[in-house]
Protein backbone atom coordinates (compact mmCIF):
# COMPACT_ATOMS: atom_id res chain seq x y z
CA UNK A 1 6.76 9.62 20.26
CA UNK A 2 2.85 9.54 19.03
CA UNK A 3 0.52 7.02 18.34
CA UNK A 4 1.05 6.89 14.51
CA UNK A 5 4.93 6.55 14.92
CA UNK A 6 4.24 3.57 17.80
CA UNK A 7 2.08 1.57 15.02
CA UNK A 8 4.22 2.54 12.05
CA UNK A 9 7.06 1.45 13.83
CA UNK A 10 5.83 -1.90 14.51
CA UNK A 11 4.48 -2.26 10.79
CA UNK A 12 7.64 -0.79 9.08
CA UNK A 13 9.64 -4.76 9.24
CA UNK A 14 6.76 -6.30 7.74
CA UNK A 15 7.03 -6.96 3.80
CA UNK A 16 3.77 -5.91 1.75
CA UNK A 17 3.11 -8.47 -0.93
CA UNK A 18 0.43 -8.53 -3.28
CA UNK A 19 -2.62 -11.07 -2.96
CA UNK A 20 -4.84 -10.18 -5.61
CA UNK A 21 -5.76 -12.45 -8.41
CA UNK A 22 -5.18 -10.06 -11.25
CA UNK A 23 -4.06 -6.59 -12.35
CA UNK A 24 -3.44 -4.62 -15.48
CA UNK A 25 -3.06 -1.16 -16.72
CA UNK A 26 -5.58 0.49 -18.25
CA UNK A 27 -4.74 4.41 -19.13
CA UNK A 28 -4.53 6.31 -15.67
CA UNK A 29 -6.06 3.40 -14.01
CA UNK A 30 -5.04 0.12 -12.39
CA UNK A 31 -7.51 -2.53 -12.44
CA UNK A 32 -7.16 -5.21 -9.69
CA UNK A 33 -9.46 -8.26 -8.93
CA UNK A 34 -8.86 -9.82 -5.79
CA UNK A 35 -10.04 -13.63 -5.05
CA UNK A 36 -13.68 -12.89 -4.67
CA UNK A 37 -13.97 -11.33 -8.13
CA UNK A 38 -14.44 -7.99 -6.60
CA UNK A 39 -13.11 -5.19 -9.25
CA UNK A 40 -11.33 -2.29 -7.48
CA UNK A 41 -10.21 0.67 -10.28
CA UNK A 42 -7.16 2.45 -8.36
CA UNK A 43 -5.91 5.97 -9.38
CA UNK A 44 -3.22 8.42 -8.27
CA UNK A 45 -1.38 7.30 -5.22
CA UNK A 46 -3.01 4.17 -4.65
CA UNK A 47 -2.03 2.82 -7.92
CA UNK A 48 1.82 3.74 -7.16
CA UNK A 49 1.35 2.31 -3.79
CA UNK A 50 -0.19 -1.38 -5.21
CA UNK A 51 2.71 -1.22 -7.95
CA UNK A 52 5.40 -0.36 -5.83
CA UNK A 53 4.08 -3.56 -3.54
CA UNK A 54 4.31 -6.08 -6.48
CA UNK A 55 8.34 -6.62 -6.08
CA UNK A 56 7.57 -6.92 -2.36
CA UNK A 57 8.77 -3.83 -0.36
CA UNK A 58 8.83 -3.68 3.56
CA UNK A 59 6.61 -1.07 4.27
CA UNK A 60 9.35 1.13 5.81
CA UNK A 61 10.72 0.96 2.07
CA UNK A 62 7.30 2.19 0.58
CA UNK A 63 7.07 4.73 2.92
CA UNK A 64 10.66 6.13 2.01
CA UNK A 65 9.75 5.37 -1.55
CA UNK A 66 6.52 7.79 -1.31
CA UNK A 67 8.40 10.18 0.77
CA UNK A 68 10.69 10.53 -2.18
CA UNK A 69 7.86 10.88 -4.57
CA UNK A 70 5.55 12.90 -2.91
CA UNK A 71 5.73 16.01 -0.84
CA UNK A 72 4.01 15.17 2.66
CA UNK A 73 4.08 15.72 6.34
CA UNK A 74 5.66 12.50 7.54
CA UNK A 75 2.88 11.86 10.17
CA UNK A 76 0.27 12.43 7.66
CA UNK A 77 1.87 9.93 5.49
CA UNK A 78 2.81 7.85 8.01
CA UNK A 79 -1.22 7.50 8.80
CA UNK A 80 -2.66 7.56 5.38
CA UNK A 81 -0.09 4.69 4.53
CA UNK A 82 -1.11 2.22 7.26
CA UNK A 83 -4.77 3.35 6.78
CA UNK A 84 -4.66 2.18 2.92
CA UNK A 85 -2.57 -0.82 4.20
CA UNK A 86 -5.55 -1.59 6.25
CA UNK A 87 -8.04 -1.30 3.69
CA UNK A 88 -6.47 -3.22 0.83
CA UNK A 89 -5.97 -5.99 3.34
CA UNK A 90 -9.68 -6.17 3.97
CA UNK A 91 -10.21 -5.98 0.42
CA UNK A 92 -7.57 -8.83 0.14
CA UNK A 93 -5.52 -6.71 -2.66
CA UNK A 94 -2.38 -7.19 -0.13
CA UNK A 95 -0.79 -9.00 2.85
CA UNK A 96 1.82 -8.26 5.14
CA UNK A 97 4.49 -11.11 5.66
CA UNK A 98 7.18 -11.03 8.80
């Protein structure tokens, strides 16, 4: 088991929840505002991930959903998903819950 797989395994049972103040779709963009009133414009996969977490998916289920939607190497997807989750946590867009 490599490093990414071991980190992913720790995250896979956590539930990703939105914690942004407000969001709205505008064409190909998802515009998201956090509690600090910072605004982020998300497109593509980032937009899809934030829309998926609105239903409170576990990280493992989110991974499976993305794997169905996109053709990507499993290790690359895990790594990119974990990086994205961490970045969105820092920006107060999503949080993780046990």
